[in-house]
């Protein structure tokens, strides 16, 4: 199990690193589109994902931590306007990706966004 997790993490890191663009410097860290937005706290331990409008599209954020953790946090009320927040305790957030779609039917993700001072 540990070997599979290591291999999966190595493949993910190589794939994401090849196409990732650095985020703008400054307090906190964010990415947004017309459908939704992601905001990471300045200490990189909290993430907030928001759905910007009631348009039948869900919004969720994928994020990764350096201890081989890949997590997903979705807007709490599905395709309606609103936000959800999650945090990490043992690590910090290194990369985020915003995904939208119709639950169970479609899923489209933006390019991953890395923090500038990795």
PDB file of N, CA and C in Angstrom:
ATOM      1  N   UNK A   1       0.821  -1.187   0.000  1.00  0.00           N
ATOM      2  CA  UNK A   1       0.000   0.000   0.000  1.00  0.00           C
ATOM      3  C   UNK A   1       0.868   1.255   0.000  1.00  0.00           C
ATOM      4  N   UNK A   2       1.913   1.254   0.807  1.00  0.00           N
ATOM      5  CA  UNK A   2       2.802   2.401   0.886  1.00  0.00           C
ATOM      6  C   UNK A   2       3.536   2.606  -0.433  1.00  0.00           C
ATOM      7  N   UNK A   3       3.908   1.520  -1.089  1.00  0.00           N
ATOM      8  CA  UNK A   3       4.596   1.612  -2.378  1.00  0.00           C
ATOM      9  C   UNK A   3       3.663   2.215  -3.423  1.00  0.00           C
ATOM     10  N   UNK A   4       2.390   1.786  -3.446  1.00  0.00           N
ATOM     11  CA  UNK A   4       1.426   2.357  -4.394  1.00  0.00           C
ATOM     12  C   UNK A   4       1.225   3.842  -4.147  1.00  0.00           C
ATOM     13  N   UNK A   5       1.134   4.249  -2.896  1.00  0.00           N
ATOM     14  CA  UNK A   5       0.963   5.668  -2.573  1.00  0.00           C
ATOM     15  C   UNK A   5       2.169   6.472  -3.019  1.00  0.00           C
ATOM     16  N   UNK A   6       3.370   5.927  -2.834  1.00  0.00           N
ATOM     17  CA  UNK A   6       4.587   6.618  -3.268  1.00  0.00           C
ATOM     18  C   UNK A   6       4.624   6.754  -4.785  1.00  0.00           C
ATOM     19  N   UNK A   7       4.293   5.697  -5.503  1.00  0.00           N
ATOM     20  CA  UNK A   7       4.303   5.730  -6.970  1.00  0.00           C
ATOM     21  C   UNK A   7       3.261   6.713  -7.480  1.00  0.00           C
ATOM     22  N   UNK A   8       2.061   6.669  -6.925  1.00  0.00           N
ATOM     23  CA  UNK A   8       1.009   7.595  -7.322  1.00  0.00           C
ATOM     24  C   UNK A   8       1.430   9.036  -7.074  1.00  0.00           C
ATOM     25  N   UNK A   9       2.044   9.307  -5.943  1.00  0.00           N
ATOM     26  CA  UNK A   9       2.495  10.665  -5.619  1.00  0.00           C
ATOM     27  C   UNK A   9       3.585  11.126  -6.573  1.00  0.00           C
ATOM     28  N   UNK A  10       4.508  10.245  -6.915  1.00  0.00           N
ATOM     29  CA  UNK A  10       5.587  10.599  -7.840  1.00  0.00           C
ATOM     30  C   UNK A  10       5.042  10.912  -9.223  1.00  0.00           C
ATOM     31  N   UNK A  11       4.103  10.107  -9.693  1.00  0.00           N
ATOM     32  CA  UNK A  11       3.492  10.350 -11.006  1.00  0.00           C
ATOM     33  C   UNK A  11       2.708  11.656 -10.990  1.00  0.00           C
ATOM     34  N   UNK A  12       1.935  11.893  -9.940  1.00  0.00           N
ATOM     35  CA  UNK A  12       1.167  13.130  -9.831  1.00  0.00           C
ATOM     36  C   UNK A  12       2.086  14.342  -9.782  1.00  0.00           C
ATOM     37  N   UNK A  13       3.135  14.273  -9.000  1.00  0.00           N
ATOM     38  CA  UNK A  13       4.069  15.395  -8.893  1.00  0.00           C
ATOM     39  C   UNK A  13       4.724  15.690 -10.241  1.00  0.00           C
ATOM     40  N   UNK A  14       5.123  14.667 -10.978  1.00  0.00           N
ATOM     41  CA  UNK A  14       5.753  14.869 -12.278  1.00  0.00           C
ATOM     42  C   UNK A  14       4.764  15.462 -13.274  1.00  0.00           C
ATOM     43  N   UNK A  15       3.527  14.983 -13.255  1.00  0.00           N
ATOM     44  CA  UNK A  15       2.505  15.488 -14.170  1.00  0.00           C
ATOM     45  C   UNK A  15       2.156  16.929 -13.862  1.00  0.00           C
ATOM     46  N   UNK A  16       1.932  17.232 -12.603  1.00  0.00           N
ATOM     47  CA  UNK A  16       1.545  18.585 -12.203  1.00  0.00           C
ATOM     48  C   UNK A  16       2.689  19.565 -12.392  1.00  0.00           C
ATOM     49  N   UNK A  17       3.905  19.178 -12.074  1.00  0.00           N
ATOM     50  CA  UNK A  17       5.047  20.079 -12.194  1.00  0.00           C
ATOM     51  C   UNK A  17       5.303  20.472 -13.638  1.00  0.00           C
ATOM     52  N   UNK A  18       4.993  19.605 -14.565  1.00  0.00           N
ATOM     53  CA  UNK A  18       5.243  19.897 -15.980  1.00  0.00           C
ATOM     54  C   UNK A  18       4.345  21.001 -16.509  1.00  0.00           C
ATOM     55  N   UNK A  19       3.124  21.142 -15.957  1.00  0.00           N
ATOM     56  CA  UNK A  19       2.186  22.113 -16.511  1.00  0.00           C
ATOM     57  C   UNK A  19       1.751  23.184 -15.521  1.00  0.00           C
ATOM     58  N   UNK A  20       2.364  23.250 -14.373  1.00  0.00           N
ATOM     59  CA  UNK A  20       1.918  24.182 -13.341  1.00  0.00           C
ATOM     60  C   UNK A  20       2.486  25.575 -13.556  1.00  0.00           C
ATOM     61  N   UNK A  21       1.678  26.565 -13.190  1.00  0.00           N
ATOM     62  CA  UNK A  21       2.106  27.953 -13.247  1.00  0.00           C
ATOM     63  C   UNK A  21       2.143  28.497 -11.831  1.00  0.00           C
ATOM     64  N   UNK A  22       3.148  29.305 -11.476  1.00  0.00           N
ATOM     65  CA  UNK A  22       3.200  29.831 -10.121  1.00  0.00           C
ATOM     66  C   UNK A  22       2.090  30.845  -9.863  1.00  0.00           C
ATOM     67  N   UNK A  23       1.643  30.902  -8.627  1.00  0.00           N
ATOM     68  CA  UNK A  23       0.627  31.872  -8.227  1.00  0.00           C
ATOM     69  C   UNK A  23       1.281  33.219  -7.960  1.00  0.00           C
ATOM     70  N   UNK A  24       0.457  34.259  -7.926  1.00  0.00           N
ATOM     71  CA  UNK A  24       0.968  35.584  -7.612  1.00  0.00           C
ATOM     72  C   UNK A  24       1.438  35.629  -6.170  1.00  0.00           C
ATOM     73  N   UNK A  25       2.540  36.336  -5.884  1.00  0.00           N
ATOM     74  CA  UNK A  25       2.983  36.458  -4.503  1.00  0.00           C
ATOM     75  C   UNK A  25       2.045  37.367  -3.718  1.00  0.00           C
ATOM     76  N   UNK A  26       2.093  37.272  -2.409  1.00  0.00           N
ATOM     77  CA  UNK A  26       1.274  38.136  -1.580  1.00  0.00           C
ATOM     78  C   UNK A  26       0.642  37.338  -0.460  1.00  0.00           C
ATOM     79  N   UNK A  27      -0.081  38.025   0.435  1.00  0.00           N
ATOM     80  CA  UNK A  27      -0.707  37.319   1.530  1.00  0.00           C
ATOM     81  C   UNK A  27      -1.798  36.395   1.001  1.00  0.00           C
ATOM     82  N   UNK A  28      -1.815  35.200   1.505  1.00  0.00           N
ATOM     83  CA  UNK A  28      -2.774  34.228   1.010  1.00  0.00           C
ATOM     84  C   UNK A  28      -2.442  33.816  -0.408  1.00  0.00           C
ATOM     85  N   UNK A  29      -3.376  33.126  -1.018  1.00  0.00           N
ATOM     86  CA  UNK A  29      -3.114  32.551  -2.315  1.00  0.00           C
ATOM     87  C   UNK A  29      -4.455  32.134  -2.876  1.00  0.00           C
ATOM     88  N   UNK A  30      -4.757  32.458  -4.131  1.00  0.00           N
ATOM     89  CA  UNK A  30      -6.094  32.186  -4.636  1.00  0.00           C
ATOM     90  C   UNK A  30      -6.104  31.910  -6.127  1.00  0.00           C
ATOM     91  N   UNK A  31      -7.243  31.391  -6.582  1.00  0.00           N
ATOM     92  CA  UNK A  31      -7.504  31.168  -7.995  1.00  0.00           C
ATOM     93  C   UNK A  31      -9.001  31.283  -8.179  1.00  0.00           C
ATOM     94  N   UNK A  32      -9.430  31.946  -9.249  1.00  0.00           N
ATOM     95  CA  UNK A  32     -10.868  32.072  -9.461  1.00  0.00           C
ATOM     96  C   UNK A  32     -11.215  32.017 -10.941  1.00  0.00           C
ATOM     97  N   UNK A  33     -12.446  31.612 -11.203  1.00  0.00           N
ATOM     98  CA  UNK A  33     -13.021  31.601 -12.546  1.00  0.00           C
ATOM     99  C   UNK A  33     -14.420  32.184 -12.427  1.00  0.00           C
ATOM    100  N   UNK A  34     -15.165  32.204 -13.518  1.00  0.00           N
ATOM    101  CA  UNK A  34     -16.539  32.701 -13.467  1.00  0.00           C
ATOM    102  C   UNK A  34     -17.417  31.800 -12.592  1.00  0.00           C
ATOM    103  N   UNK A  35     -17.102  30.517 -12.533  1.00  0.00           N
ATOM    104  CA  UNK A  35     -17.930  29.571 -11.770  1.00  0.00           C
ATOM    105  C   UNK A  35     -17.656  29.591 -10.277  1.00  0.00           C
ATOM    106  N   UNK A  36     -16.379  29.743  -9.879  1.00  0.00           N
ATOM    107  CA  UNK A  36     -16.054  29.670  -8.467  1.00  0.00           C
ATOM    108  C   UNK A  36     -14.661  30.145  -8.151  1.00  0.00           C
ATOM    109  N   UNK A  37     -14.269  29.991  -6.887  1.00  0.00           N
ATOM    110  CA  UNK A  37     -12.950  30.460  -6.467  1.00  0.00           C
ATOM    111  C   UNK A  37     -12.404  29.600  -5.337  1.00  0.00           C
ATOM    112  N   UNK A  38     -11.066  29.652  -5.210  1.00  0.00           N
ATOM    113  CA  UNK A  38     -10.360  28.976  -4.126  1.00  0.00           C
ATOM    114  C   UNK A  38      -9.483  30.021  -3.460  1.00  0.00           C
ATOM    115  N   UNK A  39      -9.423  29.990  -2.140  1.00  0.00           N
ATOM    116  CA  UNK A  39      -8.555  30.889  -1.380  1.00  0.00           C
ATOM    117  C   UNK A  39      -7.826  30.062  -0.325  1.00  0.00           C
ATOM    118  N   UNK A  40      -6.500  30.178  -0.292  1.00  0.00           N
ATOM    119  CA  UNK A  40      -5.675  29.489   0.693  1.00  0.00           C
ATOM    120  C   UNK A  40      -5.142  30.534   1.668  1.00  0.00           C
ATOM    121  N   UNK A  41      -5.165  30.227   2.938  1.00  0.00           N
ATOM    122  CA  UNK A  41      -4.690  31.171   3.955  1.00  0.00           C
ATOM    123  C   UNK A  41      -3.188  31.412   3.814  1.00  0.00           C
ATOM    124  N   UNK A  42      -2.735  32.496   4.412  1.00  0.00           N
ATOM    125  CA  UNK A  42      -1.326  32.876   4.332  1.00  0.00           C
ATOM    126  C   UNK A  42      -0.404  31.807   4.915  1.00  0.00           C
ATOM    127  N   UNK A  43      -0.841  31.116   5.953  1.00  0.00           N
ATOM    128  CA  UNK A  43      -0.007  30.059   6.536  1.00  0.00           C
ATOM    129  C   UNK A  43      -0.130  28.726   5.787  1.00  0.00           C
ATOM    130  N   UNK A  44      -0.960  28.688   4.742  1.00  0.00           N
ATOM    131  CA  UNK A  44      -1.149  27.534   3.856  1.00  0.00           C
ATOM    132  C   UNK A  44      -1.742  26.326   4.566  1.00  0.00           C
ATOM    133  N   UNK A  45      -2.546  26.571   5.605  1.00  0.00           N
ATOM    134  CA  UNK A  45      -3.165  25.466   6.341  1.00  0.00           C
ATOM    135  C   UNK A  45      -4.688  25.423   6.189  1.00  0.00           C
ATOM    136  N   UNK A  46      -5.322  26.446   5.649  1.00  0.00           N
ATOM    137  CA  UNK A  46      -6.777  26.500   5.466  1.00  0.00           C
ATOM    138  C   UNK A  46      -7.080  26.774   3.998  1.00  0.00           C
ATOM    139  N   UNK A  47      -8.147  26.146   3.491  1.00  0.00           N
ATOM    140  CA  UNK A  47      -8.583  26.369   2.115  1.00  0.00           C
ATOM    141  C   UNK A  47     -10.085  26.636   2.121  1.00  0.00           C
ATOM    142  N   UNK A  48     -10.495  27.621   1.336  1.00  0.00           N
ATOM    143  CA  UNK A  48     -11.893  28.013   1.208  1.00  0.00           C
ATOM    144  C   UNK A  48     -12.264  27.879  -0.263  1.00  0.00           C
ATOM    145  N   UNK A  49     -13.320  27.128  -0.571  1.00  0.00           N
ATOM    146  CA  UNK A  49     -13.803  26.988  -1.949  1.00  0.00           C
ATOM    147  C   UNK A  49     -15.215  27.552  -2.002  1.00  0.00           C
ATOM    148  N   UNK A  50     -15.480  28.378  -3.031  1.00  0.00           N
ATOM    149  CA  UNK A  50     -16.784  29.030  -3.155  1.00  0.00           C
ATOM    150  C   UNK A  50     -17.368  28.832  -4.545  1.00  0.00           C
ATOM    151  N   UNK A  51     -18.675  28.589  -4.583  1.00  0.00           N
ATOM    152  CA  UNK A  51     -19.436  28.555  -5.819  1.00  0.00           C
ATOM    153  C   UNK A  51     -20.007  29.956  -5.985  1.00  0.00           C
ATOM    154  N   UNK A  52     -19.711  30.616  -7.102  1.00  0.00           N
ATOM    155  CA  UNK A  52     -20.076  32.024  -7.271  1.00  0.00           C
ATOM    156  C   UNK A  52     -21.525  32.265  -7.654  1.00  0.00           C
ATOM    157  N   UNK A  53     -22.217  31.246  -8.174  1.00  0.00           N
ATOM    158  CA  UNK A  53     -23.602  31.476  -8.580  1.00  0.00           C
ATOM    159  C   UNK A  53     -24.380  30.161  -8.649  1.00  0.00           C
ATOM    160  N   UNK A  54     -25.695  30.273  -8.611  1.00  0.00           N
ATOM    161  CA  UNK A  54     -26.580  29.114  -8.725  1.00  0.00           C
ATOM    162  C   UNK A  54     -26.779  28.817 -10.207  1.00  0.00           C
ATOM    163  N   UNK A  55     -25.924  27.966 -10.759  1.00  0.00           N
ATOM    164  CA  UNK A  55     -25.937  27.710 -12.197  1.00  0.00           C
ATOM    165  C   UNK A  55     -25.969  26.221 -12.540  1.00  0.00           C
ATOM    166  N   UNK A  56     -26.358  25.373 -11.590  1.00  0.00           N
ATOM    167  CA  UNK A  56     -26.413  23.919 -11.752  1.00  0.00           C
ATOM    168  C   UNK A  56     -25.050  23.265 -11.887  1.00  0.00           C
ATOM    169  N   UNK A  57     -23.962  24.004 -11.656  1.00  0.00           N
ATOM    170  CA  UNK A  57     -22.607  23.446 -11.678  1.00  0.00           C
ATOM    171  C   UNK A  57     -22.064  23.416 -10.256  1.00  0.00           C
ATOM    172  N   UNK A  58     -21.517  22.271  -9.836  1.00  0.00           N
ATOM    173  CA  UNK A  58     -20.852  22.215  -8.541  1.00  0.00           C
ATOM    174  C   UNK A  58     -19.450  22.787  -8.691  1.00  0.00           C
ATOM    175  N   UNK A  59     -18.848  23.192  -7.608  1.00  0.00           N
ATOM    176  CA  UNK A  59     -17.467  23.672  -7.573  1.00  0.00           C
ATOM    177  C   UNK A  59     -16.752  22.929  -6.456  1.00  0.00           C
ATOM    178  N   UNK A  60     -15.567  22.411  -6.764  1.00  0.00           N
ATOM    179  CA  UNK A  60     -14.762  21.781  -5.732  1.00  0.00           C
ATOM    180  C   UNK A  60     -13.297  22.092  -5.977  1.00  0.00           C
ATOM    181  N   UNK A  61     -12.514  21.988  -4.921  1.00  0.00           N
ATOM    182  CA  UNK A  61     -11.078  22.241  -5.001  1.00  0.00           C
ATOM    183  C   UNK A  61     -10.336  20.952  -4.688  1.00  0.00           C
ATOM    184  N   UNK A  62      -9.325  20.673  -5.474  1.00  0.00           N
ATOM    185  CA  UNK A  62      -8.384  19.609  -5.154  1.00  0.00           C
ATOM    186  C   UNK A  62      -7.130  20.298  -4.653  1.00  0.00           C
ATOM    187  N   UNK A  63      -6.525  19.756  -3.617  1.00  0.00           N
ATOM    188  CA  UNK A  63      -5.277  20.327  -3.132  1.00  0.00           C
ATOM    189  C   UNK A  63      -4.372  19.208  -2.661  1.00  0.00           C
ATOM    190  N   UNK A  64      -3.066  19.491  -2.705  1.00  0.00           N
ATOM    191  CA  UNK A  64      -2.081  18.493  -2.308  1.00  0.00           C
ATOM    192  C   UNK A  64      -1.164  19.063  -1.247  1.00  0.00           C
ATOM    193  N   UNK A  65      -0.697  18.156  -0.376  1.00  0.00           N
ATOM    194  CA  UNK A  65       0.239  18.508   0.685  1.00  0.00           C
ATOM    195  C   UNK A  65       1.536  17.735   0.473  1.00  0.00           C
ATOM    196  N   UNK A  66       2.639  18.173   1.068  1.00  0.00           N
ATOM    197  CA  UNK A  66       3.916  17.494   0.850  1.00  0.00           C
ATOM    198  C   UNK A  66       4.018  16.118   1.504  1.00  0.00           C
ATOM    199  N   UNK A  67       3.081  15.748   2.367  1.00  0.00           N
ATOM    200  CA  UNK A  67       3.152  14.418   2.970  1.00  0.00           C
ATOM    201  C   UNK A  67       2.245  13.441   2.219  1.00  0.00           C
ATOM    202  N   UNK A  68       2.281  13.549   0.902  1.00  0.00           N
ATOM    203  CA  UNK A  68       1.597  12.632  -0.004  1.00  0.00           C
ATOM    204  C   UNK A  68       0.085  12.658   0.125  1.00  0.00           C
ATOM    205  N   UNK A  69      -0.455  13.774   0.524  1.00  0.00           N
ATOM    206  CA  UNK A  69      -1.898  13.871   0.662  1.00  0.00           C
ATOM    207  C   UNK A  69      -2.531  14.634  -0.481  1.00  0.00           C
ATOM    208  N   UNK A  70      -3.526  14.032  -1.126  1.00  0.00           N
ATOM    209  CA  UNK A  70      -4.321  14.701  -2.145  1.00  0.00           C
ATOM    210  C   UNK A  70      -5.753  14.699  -1.631  1.00  0.00           C
ATOM    211  N   UNK A  71      -6.344  15.886  -1.521  1.00  0.00           N
ATOM    212  CA  UNK A  71      -7.649  16.024  -0.885  1.00  0.00           C
ATOM    213  C   UNK A  71      -8.601  16.799  -1.788  1.00  0.00           C
ATOM    214  N   UNK A  72      -9.888  16.624  -1.563  1.00  0.00           N
ATOM    215  CA  UNK A  72     -10.916  17.354  -2.293  1.00  0.00           C
ATOM    216  C   UNK A  72     -11.873  17.967  -1.283  1.00  0.00           C
ATOM    217  N   UNK A  73     -12.199  19.236  -1.502  1.00  0.00           N
ATOM    218  CA  UNK A  73     -13.215  19.901  -0.687  1.00  0.00           C
ATOM    219  C   UNK A  73     -14.207  20.544  -1.651  1.00  0.00           C
ATOM    220  N   UNK A  74     -15.495  20.268  -1.447  1.00  0.00           N
ATOM    221  CA  UNK A  74     -16.541  20.772  -2.335  1.00  0.00           C
ATOM    222  C   UNK A  74     -17.378  21.816  -1.621  1.00  0.00           C
ATOM    223  N   UNK A  75     -17.963  22.693  -2.411  1.00  0.00           N
ATOM    224  CA  UNK A  75     -18.923  23.649  -1.882  1.00  0.00           C
ATOM    225  C   UNK A  75     -20.032  22.853  -1.187  1.00  0.00           C
ATOM    226  N   UNK A  76     -20.389  23.254   0.011  1.00  0.00           N
ATOM    227  CA  UNK A  76     -21.289  22.474   0.855  1.00  0.00           C
ATOM    228  C   UNK A  76     -22.692  22.292   0.287  1.00  0.00           C
ATOM    229  N   UNK A  77     -23.190  23.234  -0.473  1.00  0.00           N
ATOM    230  CA  UNK A  77     -24.576  23.128  -0.935  1.00  0.00           C
ATOM    231  C   UNK A  77     -24.691  22.822  -2.430  1.00  0.00           C
ATOM    232  N   UNK A  78     -23.718  22.146  -2.986  1.00  0.00           N
ATOM    233  CA  UNK A  78     -23.799  21.677  -4.368  1.00  0.00           C
ATOM    234  C   UNK A  78     -23.751  22.788  -5.381  1.00  0.00           C
ATOM    235  N   UNK A  79     -24.754  22.865  -6.243  1.00  0.00           N
ATOM    236  CA  UNK A  79     -24.742  23.796  -7.368  1.00  0.00           C
ATOM    237  C   UNK A  79     -25.274  25.187  -7.022  1.00  0.00           C
ATOM    238  N   UNK A  80     -25.562  25.443  -5.779  1.00  0.00           N
ATOM    239  CA  UNK A  80     -26.033  26.764  -5.354  1.00  0.00           C
ATOM    240  C   UNK A  80     -24.861  27.630  -4.909  1.00  0.00           C
ATOM    241  N   UNK A  81     -25.109  28.941  -4.719  1.00  0.00           N
ATOM    242  CA  UNK A  81     -24.080  29.850  -4.241  1.00  0.00           C
ATOM    243  C   UNK A  81     -23.716  29.475  -2.814  1.00  0.00           C
ATOM    244  N   UNK A  82     -22.415  29.526  -2.485  1.00  0.00           N
ATOM    245  CA  UNK A  82     -21.988  29.256  -1.125  1.00  0.00           C
ATOM    246  C   UNK A  82     -20.541  28.826  -1.059  1.00  0.00           C
ATOM    247  N   UNK A  83     -20.031  28.615   0.150  1.00  0.00           N
ATOM    248  CA  UNK A  83     -18.624  28.277   0.364  1.00  0.00           C
ATOM    249  C   UNK A  83     -18.477  27.148   1.375  1.00  0.00           C
ATOM    250  N   UNK A  84     -17.315  26.487   1.326  1.00  0.00           N
ATOM    251  CA  UNK A  84     -16.921  25.487   2.320  1.00  0.00           C
ATOM    252  C   UNK A  84     -15.457  25.695   2.643  1.00  0.00           C
ATOM    253  N   UNK A  85     -15.071  25.347   3.864  1.00  0.00           N
ATOM    254  CA  UNK A  85     -13.690  25.525   4.297  1.00  0.00           C
ATOM    255  C   UNK A  85     -13.178  24.224   4.907  1.00  0.00           C
ATOM    256  N   UNK A  86     -11.884  23.993   4.742  1.00  0.00           N
ATOM    257  CA  UNK A  86     -11.233  22.805   5.287  1.00  0.00           C
ATOM    258  C   UNK A  86      -9.823  23.208   5.691  1.00  0.00           C
ATOM    259  N   UNK A  87      -9.207  22.404   6.542  1.00  0.00           N
ATOM    260  CA  UNK A  87      -7.854  22.718   6.975  1.00  0.00           C
ATOM    261  C   UNK A  87      -6.979  21.493   7.114  1.00  0.00           C
ATOM    262  N   UNK A  88      -5.689  21.723   7.166  1.00  0.00           N
ATOM    263  CA  UNK A  88      -4.709  20.668   7.391  1.00  0.00           C
ATOM    264  C   UNK A  88      -4.086  20.897   8.764  1.00  0.00           C
ATOM    265  N   UNK A  89      -3.692  19.838   9.433  1.00  0.00           N
ATOM    266  CA  UNK A  89      -3.118  19.962  10.769  1.00  0.00           C
ATOM    267  C   UNK A  89      -1.626  19.634  10.789  1.00  0.00           C
ATOM    268  N   UNK A  90      -1.210  18.647  10.025  1.00  0.00           N
ATOM    269  CA  UNK A  90       0.174  18.199  10.065  1.00  0.00           C
ATOM    270  C   UNK A  90       1.033  18.761   8.949  1.00  0.00           C
ATOM    271  N   UNK A  91       0.461  19.440   8.006  1.00  0.00           N
ATOM    272  CA  UNK A  91       1.209  19.851   6.828  1.00  0.00           C
ATOM    273  C   UNK A  91       0.691  21.185   6.322  1.00  0.00           C
ATOM    274  N   UNK A  92       1.102  21.561   5.113  1.00  0.00           N
ATOM    275  CA  UNK A  92       0.610  22.771   4.471  1.00  0.00           C
ATOM    276  C   UNK A  92       0.243  22.461   3.026  1.00  0.00           C
ATOM    277  N   UNK A  93      -0.493  23.354   2.407  1.00  0.00           N
ATOM    278  CA  UNK A  93      -0.993  23.163   1.048  1.00  0.00           C
ATOM    279  C   UNK A  93       0.049  23.676   0.058  1.00  0.00           C
ATOM    280  N   UNK A  94       0.391  22.842  -0.929  1.00  0.00           N
ATOM    281  CA  UNK A  94       1.384  23.207  -1.946  1.00  0.00           C
ATOM    282  C   UNK A  94       0.777  23.564  -3.296  1.00  0.00           C
ATOM    283  N   UNK A  95      -0.326  22.936  -3.665  1.00  0.00           N
ATOM    284  CA  UNK A  95      -0.906  23.129  -4.999  1.00  0.00           C
ATOM    285  C   UNK A  95      -2.423  23.019  -4.902  1.00  0.00           C
ATOM    286  N   UNK A  96      -3.115  23.825  -5.724  1.00  0.00           N
ATOM    287  CA  UNK A  96      -4.577  23.800  -5.750  1.00  0.00           C
ATOM    288  C   UNK A  96      -5.050  23.654  -7.190  1.00  0.00           C
ATOM    289  N   UNK A  97      -6.270  23.127  -7.331  1.00  0.00           N
ATOM    290  CA  UNK A  97      -6.879  23.001  -8.652  1.00  0.00           C
ATOM    291  C   UNK A  97      -8.386  23.156  -8.476  1.00  0.00           C
ATOM    292  N   UNK A  98      -9.012  24.008  -9.280  1.00  0.00           N
ATOM    293  CA  UNK A  98     -10.447  24.256  -9.225  1.00  0.00           C
ATOM    294  C   UNK A  98     -11.148  23.374 -10.256  1.00  0.00           C
ATOM    295  N   UNK A  99     -12.183  22.642  -9.817  1.00  0.00           N
ATOM    296  CA  UNK A  99     -12.935  21.752 -10.704  1.00  0.00           C
ATOM    297  C   UNK A  99     -14.415  22.121 -10.644  1.00  0.00           C
ATOM    298  N   UNK A 100     -15.105  22.011 -11.782  1.00  0.00           N
ATOM    299  CA  UNK A 100     -16.539  22.280 -11.865  1.00  0.00           C
ATOM    300  C   UNK A 100     -17.206  21.203 -12.710  1.00  0.00           C
ATOM    301  N   UNK A 101     -18.509  21.111 -12.610  1.00  0.00           N
ATOM    302  CA  UNK A 101     -19.247  20.167 -13.445  1.00  0.00           C
ATOM    303  C   UNK A 101     -20.635  19.919 -12.920  1.00  0.00           C
ATOM    304  N   UNK A 102     -21.277  18.918 -13.509  1.00  0.00           N
ATOM    305  CA  UNK A 102     -22.582  18.454 -13.065  1.00  0.00           C
ATOM    306  C   UNK A 102     -22.326  17.140 -12.340  1.00  0.00           C
ATOM    307  N   UNK A 103     -22.662  17.071 -11.074  1.00  0.00           N
ATOM    308  CA  UNK A 103     -22.323  15.928 -10.221  1.00  0.00           C
ATOM    309  C   UNK A 103     -22.742  14.611 -10.886  1.00  0.00           C
ATOM    310  N   UNK A 104     -21.788  13.703 -11.029  1.00  0.00           N
ATOM    311  CA  UNK A 104     -22.043  12.395 -11.609  1.00  0.00           C
ATOM    312  C   UNK A 104     -22.117  12.361 -13.127  1.00  0.00           C
ATOM    313  N   UNK A 105     -21.997  13.524 -13.783  1.00  0.00           N
ATOM    314  CA  UNK A 105     -22.115  13.570 -15.243  1.00  0.00           C
ATOM    315  C   UNK A 105     -20.844  14.119 -15.879  1.00  0.00           C
ATOM    316  N   UNK A 106     -20.432  15.314 -15.493  1.00  0.00           N
ATOM    317  CA  UNK A 106     -19.243  15.938 -16.077  1.00  0.00           C
ATOM    318  C   UNK A 106     -18.331  16.461 -14.982  1.00  0.00           C
ATOM    319  N   UNK A 107     -17.057  16.618 -15.330  1.00  0.00           N
ATOM    320  CA  UNK A 107     -16.084  17.208 -14.403  1.00  0.00           C
ATOM    321  C   UNK A 107     -14.978  17.833 -15.239  1.00  0.00           C
ATOM    322  N   UNK A 108     -14.743  19.124 -15.043  1.00  0.00           N
ATOM    323  CA  UNK A 108     -13.686  19.840 -15.751  1.00  0.00           C
ATOM    324  C   UNK A 108     -12.828  20.564 -14.725  1.00  0.00           C
ATOM    325  N   UNK A 109     -11.514  20.364 -14.809  1.00  0.00           N
ATOM    326  CA  UNK A 109     -10.604  20.988 -13.851  1.00  0.00           C
ATOM    327  C   UNK A 109      -9.688  21.985 -14.553  1.00  0.00           C
ATOM    328  N   UNK A 110      -9.424  23.091 -13.869  1.00  0.00           N
ATOM    329  CA  UNK A 110      -8.469  24.090 -14.338  1.00  0.00           C
ATOM    330  C   UNK A 110      -7.054  23.538 -14.159  1.00  0.00           C
ATOM    331  N   UNK A 111      -6.078  24.214 -14.740  1.00  0.00           N
ATOM    332  CA  UNK A 111      -4.677  23.839 -14.549  1.00  0.00           C
ATOM    333  C   UNK A 111      -4.318  24.022 -13.070  1.00  0.00           C
ATOM    334  N   UNK A 112      -3.441  23.182 -12.531  1.00  0.00           N
ATOM    335  CA  UNK A 112      -3.027  23.334 -11.137  1.00  0.00           C
ATOM    336  C   UNK A 112      -2.256  24.636 -10.923  1.00  0.00           C
ATOM    337  N   UNK A 113      -2.388  25.195  -9.752  1.00  0.00           N
ATOM    338  CA  UNK A 113      -1.694  26.433  -9.390  1.00  0.00           C
ATOM    339  C   UNK A 113      -0.822  26.144  -8.176  1.00  0.00           C
ATOM    340  N   UNK A 114       0.487  26.365  -8.316  1.00  0.00           N
ATOM    341  CA  UNK A 114       1.449  26.140  -7.232  1.00  0.00           C
ATOM    342  C   UNK A 114       1.730  27.442  -6.506  1.00  0.00           C
ATOM    343  N   UNK A 115       2.054  27.339  -5.232  1.00  0.00           N
ATOM    344  CA  UNK A 115       2.497  28.516  -4.499  1.00  0.00           C
ATOM    345  C   UNK A 115       3.909  28.855  -4.979  1.00  0.00           C
ATOM    346  N   UNK A 116       4.278  30.135  -4.993  1.00  0.00           N
ATOM    347  CA  UNK A 116       5.553  30.554  -5.578  1.00  0.00           C
ATOM    348  C   UNK A 116       6.771  30.132  -4.785  1.00  0.00           C
ATOM    349  N   UNK A 117       6.719  30.110  -3.469  1.00  0.00           N
ATOM    350  CA  UNK A 117       7.896  29.767  -2.674  1.00  0.00           C
ATOM    351  C   UNK A 117       7.815  28.354  -2.128  1.00  0.00           C
ATOM    352  N   UNK A 118       7.806  27.380  -3.037  1.00  0.00           N
ATOM    353  CA  UNK A 118       7.722  25.968  -2.643  1.00  0.00           C
ATOM    354  C   UNK A 118       9.005  25.535  -2.003  1.00  0.00           C
TER     355      UNK A 118
END
